[in-house]
Amino acid sequence: MHYMKDTNNELNDYEGTWKGAWNGKTFFITFKKIINRYNEAHRHNKDFLIGKFKVVDNNGNILFNNTNISDENAKIKGGMFAKLDDKYSLLYYDKDLCGKHGVGKISFANAAKTQIQWEYYYRDQTIFPDCFYYNYPANQRPEPLPAQNLILTKQ
């Protein structure tokens, strides 16, 4: 059986909680390395990161928080390092937000590895009438992740 192992332990430096600010909100994400897990889609085992996050507004109100869900249900799952730019790919899928999804990349922003460059892009989403925000204007729909380049600092 094929196993995509993190032989150089590159993912270990990403583990931990990272923080950044965007649009009057604070974004916290905790990355954890998962070892030797079977990937059904690709039919092999691999090491990868999962991400759980919390978003708080300037008044301290929690807007999004999935930090207590199981690792198996993490909404952010890592892919692999891209050969082109050596950035680690992330996939986001949120069934609780009507299937909102997107792709991202992370890489270290400094040599000390205390800052991450976060890049994220939402994918177009088909919203069905049973979605709770079906009738919301586009600018009032949930935006749980920073959809822009952002520097995150290790906590």
C-alpha atoms as a PDB file:
ATOM      1  CA  MET A   1       0.000   0.000   0.000  1.00  0.00           C
ATOM      2  CA  HIS A   2       1.227   3.488  -0.885  1.00  0.00           C
ATOM      3  CA  TYR A   3       1.979   5.802   2.060  1.00  0.00           C
ATOM      4  CA  MET A   4       2.678   9.533   1.669  1.00  0.00           C
ATOM      5  CA  LYS A   5       4.818   9.998   4.766  1.00  0.00           C
ATOM      6  CA  ASP A   6       6.078  13.322   6.064  1.00  0.00           C
ATOM      7  CA  THR A   7       9.621  11.906   6.076  1.00  0.00           C
ATOM      8  CA  ASN A   8      11.317  15.247   6.783  1.00  0.00           C
ATOM      9  CA  ASN A   9       8.771  16.180   9.474  1.00  0.00           C
ATOM     10  CA  GLU A  10       7.996  19.413   7.618  1.00  0.00           C
ATOM     11  CA  LEU A  11       4.429  19.455   8.947  1.00  0.00           C
ATOM     12  CA  ASN A  12       5.540  19.497  12.582  1.00  0.00           C
ATOM     13  CA  ASP A  13       6.535  23.183  12.437  1.00  0.00           C
ATOM     14  CA  TYR A  14       2.974  24.107  11.424  1.00  0.00           C
ATOM     15  CA  GLU A  15       1.421  22.413  14.456  1.00  0.00           C
ATOM     16  CA  GLY A  16      -0.004  24.729  17.083  1.00  0.00           C
ATOM     17  CA  THR A  17      -2.287  27.743  17.249  1.00  0.00           C
ATOM     18  CA  TRP A  18      -1.879  30.722  14.927  1.00  0.00           C
ATOM     19  CA  LYS A  19      -3.583  34.126  15.067  1.00  0.00           C
ATOM     20  CA  GLY A  20      -4.291  36.925  12.622  1.00  0.00           C
ATOM     21  CA  ALA A  21      -6.651  39.896  12.229  1.00  0.00           C
ATOM     22  CA  TRP A  22      -8.848  40.760   9.260  1.00  0.00           C
ATOM     23  CA  ASN A  23     -11.913  42.949   8.645  1.00  0.00           C
ATOM     24  CA  GLY A  24     -12.379  43.777  12.343  1.00  0.00           C
ATOM     25  CA  LYS A  25     -12.164  40.104  13.320  1.00  0.00           C
ATOM     26  CA  THR A  26      -9.536  37.882  14.924  1.00  0.00           C
ATOM     27  CA  PHE A  27      -8.870  34.498  13.376  1.00  0.00           C
ATOM     28  CA  PHE A  28      -7.392  31.638  15.393  1.00  0.00           C
ATOM     29  CA  ILE A  29      -6.483  28.365  13.711  1.00  0.00           C
ATOM     30  CA  THR A  30      -4.950  25.298  15.305  1.00  0.00           C
ATOM     31  CA  PHE A  31      -3.120  22.870  13.051  1.00  0.00           C
ATOM     32  CA  LYS A  32      -2.543  19.269  14.103  1.00  0.00           C
ATOM     33  CA  LYS A  33      -0.575  16.612  12.240  1.00  0.00           C
ATOM     34  CA  ILE A  34      -2.446  13.389  11.507  1.00  0.00           C
ATOM     35  CA  ILE A  35      -0.192  10.383  10.892  1.00  0.00           C
ATOM     36  CA  ASN A  36      -0.725   7.430   8.546  1.00  0.00           C
ATOM     37  CA  ARG A  37      -4.461   7.988   7.900  1.00  0.00           C
ATOM     38  CA  TYR A  38      -6.155   6.246   4.974  1.00  0.00           C
ATOM     39  CA  ASN A  39      -7.415   8.602   2.253  1.00  0.00           C
ATOM     40  CA  GLU A  40     -10.428   7.029   0.538  1.00  0.00           C
ATOM     41  CA  ALA A  41     -10.411   9.376  -2.447  1.00  0.00           C
ATOM     42  CA  HIS A  42      -6.796   8.614  -3.339  1.00  0.00           C
ATOM     43  CA  ARG A  43      -6.679   5.093  -1.862  1.00  0.00           C
ATOM     44  CA  HIS A  44      -3.497   5.461   0.115  1.00  0.00           C
ATOM     45  CA  ASN A  45      -2.326   6.395   3.589  1.00  0.00           C
ATOM     46  CA  LYS A  46      -0.811   9.790   4.254  1.00  0.00           C
ATOM     47  CA  ASP A  47       0.378  12.247   6.870  1.00  0.00           C
ATOM     48  CA  PHE A  48      -1.431  15.593   6.716  1.00  0.00           C
ATOM     49  CA  LEU A  49      -2.556  18.588   8.727  1.00  0.00           C
ATOM     50  CA  ILE A  50      -6.055  19.300   9.932  1.00  0.00           C
ATOM     51  CA  GLY A  51      -7.206  22.752  10.974  1.00  0.00           C
ATOM     52  CA  LYS A  52      -9.802  23.822  13.503  1.00  0.00           C
ATOM     53  CA  PHE A  53     -10.607  27.501  13.841  1.00  0.00           C
ATOM     54  CA  LYS A  54     -12.379  30.199  15.794  1.00  0.00           C
ATOM     55  CA  VAL A  55     -13.311  33.712  14.646  1.00  0.00           C
ATOM     56  CA  VAL A  56     -14.043  36.484  17.143  1.00  0.00           C
ATOM     57  CA  ASP A  57     -15.262  40.011  16.389  1.00  0.00           C
ATOM     58  CA  ASN A  58     -13.856  43.194  17.967  1.00  0.00           C
ATOM     59  CA  ASN A  59     -16.442  42.989  20.775  1.00  0.00           C
ATOM     60  CA  GLY A  60     -15.363  39.473  21.737  1.00  0.00           C
ATOM     61  CA  ASN A  61     -18.387  37.765  20.187  1.00  0.00           C
ATOM     62  CA  ILE A  62     -17.580  34.318  18.807  1.00  0.00           C
ATOM     63  CA  LEU A  63     -18.706  34.251  15.165  1.00  0.00           C
ATOM     64  CA  PHE A  64     -17.442  30.777  14.247  1.00  0.00           C
ATOM     65  CA  ASN A  65     -15.960  28.074  16.419  1.00  0.00           C
ATOM     66  CA  ASN A  66     -15.267  24.466  15.456  1.00  0.00           C
ATOM     67  CA  THR A  67     -12.338  23.909  17.804  1.00  0.00           C
ATOM     68  CA  ASN A  68     -14.187  21.215  19.773  1.00  0.00           C
ATOM     69  CA  ILE A  69     -15.223  18.956  16.893  1.00  0.00           C
ATOM     70  CA  SER A  70     -13.522  15.598  16.374  1.00  0.00           C
ATOM     71  CA  ASP A  71     -10.389  15.365  14.246  1.00  0.00           C
ATOM     72  CA  GLU A  72     -12.311  13.217  11.750  1.00  0.00           C
ATOM     73  CA  ASN A  73     -14.809  16.058  11.236  1.00  0.00           C
ATOM     74  CA  ALA A  74     -12.251  18.872  10.921  1.00  0.00           C
ATOM     75  CA  LYS A  75     -13.414  21.355   8.293  1.00  0.00           C
ATOM     76  CA  ILE A  76      -9.887  22.046   7.025  1.00  0.00           C
ATOM     77  CA  LYS A  77      -7.743  19.214   5.742  1.00  0.00           C
ATOM     78  CA  GLY A  78      -4.275  19.454   4.304  1.00  0.00           C
ATOM     79  CA  GLY A  79      -3.198  18.129   0.963  1.00  0.00           C
ATOM     80  CA  MET A  80       0.451  18.257   0.024  1.00  0.00           C
ATOM     81  CA  PHE A  81       3.354  20.566  -0.689  1.00  0.00           C
ATOM     82  CA  ALA A  82       3.325  22.025  -4.181  1.00  0.00           C
ATOM     83  CA  LYS A  83       6.569  21.525  -6.055  1.00  0.00           C
ATOM     84  CA  LEU A  84       6.172  24.889  -7.795  1.00  0.00           C
ATOM     85  CA  ASP A  85       6.128  27.178  -4.733  1.00  0.00           C
ATOM     86  CA  ASP A  86       6.688  24.800  -1.771  1.00  0.00           C
ATOM     87  CA  LYS A  87       3.398  25.920  -0.197  1.00  0.00           C
ATOM     88  CA  TYR A  88       1.198  23.445   1.651  1.00  0.00           C
ATOM     89  CA  SER A  89      -2.321  23.114   0.228  1.00  0.00           C
ATOM     90  CA  LEU A  90      -5.491  23.137   2.325  1.00  0.00           C
ATOM     91  CA  LEU A  91      -9.081  22.213   1.491  1.00  0.00           C
ATOM     92  CA  TYR A  92     -12.032  23.668   3.392  1.00  0.00           C
ATOM     93  CA  TYR A  93     -15.498  22.148   3.381  1.00  0.00           C
ATOM     94  CA  ASP A  94     -18.246  23.116   5.827  1.00  0.00           C
ATOM     95  CA  LYS A  95     -21.474  21.118   5.759  1.00  0.00           C
ATOM     96  CA  ASP A  96     -22.803  23.331   8.587  1.00  0.00           C
ATOM     97  CA  LEU A  97     -22.650  26.356   6.258  1.00  0.00           C
ATOM     98  CA  CYS A  98     -24.537  24.750   3.364  1.00  0.00           C
ATOM     99  CA  GLY A  99     -21.428  23.209   1.857  1.00  0.00           C
ATOM    100  CA  LYS A 100     -19.301  26.372   1.771  1.00  0.00           C
ATOM    101  CA  HIS A 101     -15.859  25.415   0.498  1.00  0.00           C
ATOM    102  CA  GLY A 102     -12.566  26.660  -0.846  1.00  0.00           C
ATOM    103  CA  VAL A 103      -8.852  26.119  -1.173  1.00  0.00           C
ATOM    104  CA  GLY A 104      -5.876  27.639   0.540  1.00  0.00           C
ATOM    105  CA  LYS A 105      -2.136  27.519   0.934  1.00  0.00           C
ATOM    106  CA  ILE A 106       0.187  28.123   3.827  1.00  0.00           C
ATOM    107  CA  SER A 107       3.912  28.712   3.969  1.00  0.00           C
ATOM    108  CA  PHE A 108       6.306  30.201   6.469  1.00  0.00           C
ATOM    109  CA  ALA A 109       6.671  33.971   6.280  1.00  0.00           C
ATOM    110  CA  ASN A 110       9.907  34.147   8.277  1.00  0.00           C
ATOM    111  CA  ALA A 111      12.986  32.002   8.896  1.00  0.00           C
ATOM    112  CA  ALA A 112      12.121  31.556  12.585  1.00  0.00           C
ATOM    113  CA  LYS A 113       8.863  29.843  11.526  1.00  0.00           C
ATOM    114  CA  THR A 114       6.828  31.982  13.905  1.00  0.00           C
ATOM    115  CA  GLN A 115       4.691  33.441  11.114  1.00  0.00           C
ATOM    116  CA  ILE A 116       2.629  31.807   8.386  1.00  0.00           C
ATOM    117  CA  GLN A 117       1.558  33.360   5.100  1.00  0.00           C
ATOM    118  CA  TRP A 118      -2.138  32.408   4.737  1.00  0.00           C
ATOM    119  CA  GLU A 119      -3.744  32.451   1.277  1.00  0.00           C
ATOM    120  CA  TYR A 120      -7.354  31.396   0.850  1.00  0.00           C
ATOM    121  CA  TYR A 121      -9.971  31.489  -1.898  1.00  0.00           C
ATOM    122  CA  TYR A 122     -13.649  30.553  -1.672  1.00  0.00           C
ATOM    123  CA  ARG A 123     -14.975  28.449  -4.520  1.00  0.00           C
ATOM    124  CA  ASP A 124     -18.269  29.337  -6.203  1.00  0.00           C
ATOM    125  CA  GLN A 125     -21.096  27.794  -4.261  1.00  0.00           C
ATOM    126  CA  THR A 126     -24.547  26.732  -5.367  1.00  0.00           C
ATOM    127  CA  ILE A 127     -26.948  27.668  -2.583  1.00  0.00           C
ATOM    128  CA  PHE A 128     -30.204  25.752  -2.402  1.00  0.00           C
ATOM    129  CA  PRO A 129     -33.500  27.035  -0.921  1.00  0.00           C
ATOM    130  CA  ASP A 130     -33.086  24.911   2.227  1.00  0.00           C
ATOM    131  CA  CYS A 131     -29.898  26.808   3.136  1.00  0.00           C
ATOM    132  CA  PHE A 132     -30.413  29.186   6.056  1.00  0.00           C
ATOM    133  CA  TYR A 133     -28.747  32.055   4.183  1.00  0.00           C
ATOM    134  CA  TYR A 134     -30.409  31.415   0.806  1.00  0.00           C
ATOM    135  CA  ASN A 135     -32.076  34.867   0.743  1.00  0.00           C
ATOM    136  CA  TYR A 136     -29.192  36.821   2.291  1.00  0.00           C
ATOM    137  CA  PRO A 137     -27.467  39.419   0.112  1.00  0.00           C
ATOM    138  CA  ALA A 138     -23.985  38.239  -0.912  1.00  0.00           C
ATOM    139  CA  ASN A 139     -22.285  40.684   1.492  1.00  0.00           C
ATOM    140  CA  GLN A 140     -24.225  39.233   4.464  1.00  0.00           C
ATOM    141  CA  ARG A 141     -23.423  35.575   3.873  1.00  0.00           C
ATOM    142  CA  PRO A 142     -21.125  33.812   6.362  1.00  0.00           C
ATOM    143  CA  GLU A 143     -17.412  34.409   5.834  1.00  0.00           C
ATOM    144  CA  PRO A 144     -15.683  32.112   8.319  1.00  0.00           C
ATOM    145  CA  LEU A 145     -12.197  32.242   6.794  1.00  0.00           C
ATOM    146  CA  PRO A 146     -10.049  35.198   5.741  1.00  0.00           C
ATOM    147  CA  ALA A 147     -10.340  35.255   1.952  1.00  0.00           C
ATOM    148  CA  GLN A 148      -7.162  37.228   1.440  1.00  0.00           C
ATOM    149  CA  ASN A 149      -3.468  37.014   2.095  1.00  0.00           C
ATOM    150  CA  LEU A 150      -2.835  37.307   5.800  1.00  0.00           C
ATOM    151  CA  ILE A 151       0.110  36.861   8.140  1.00  0.00           C
ATOM    152  CA  LEU A 152      -0.663  34.555  11.076  1.00  0.00           C
ATOM    153  CA  THR A 153       1.557  34.573  14.170  1.00  0.00           C
ATOM    154  CA  LYS A 154       2.228  31.534  16.308  1.00  0.00           C
ATOM    155  CA  GLN A 155       0.692  31.756  19.781  1.00  0.00           C
END
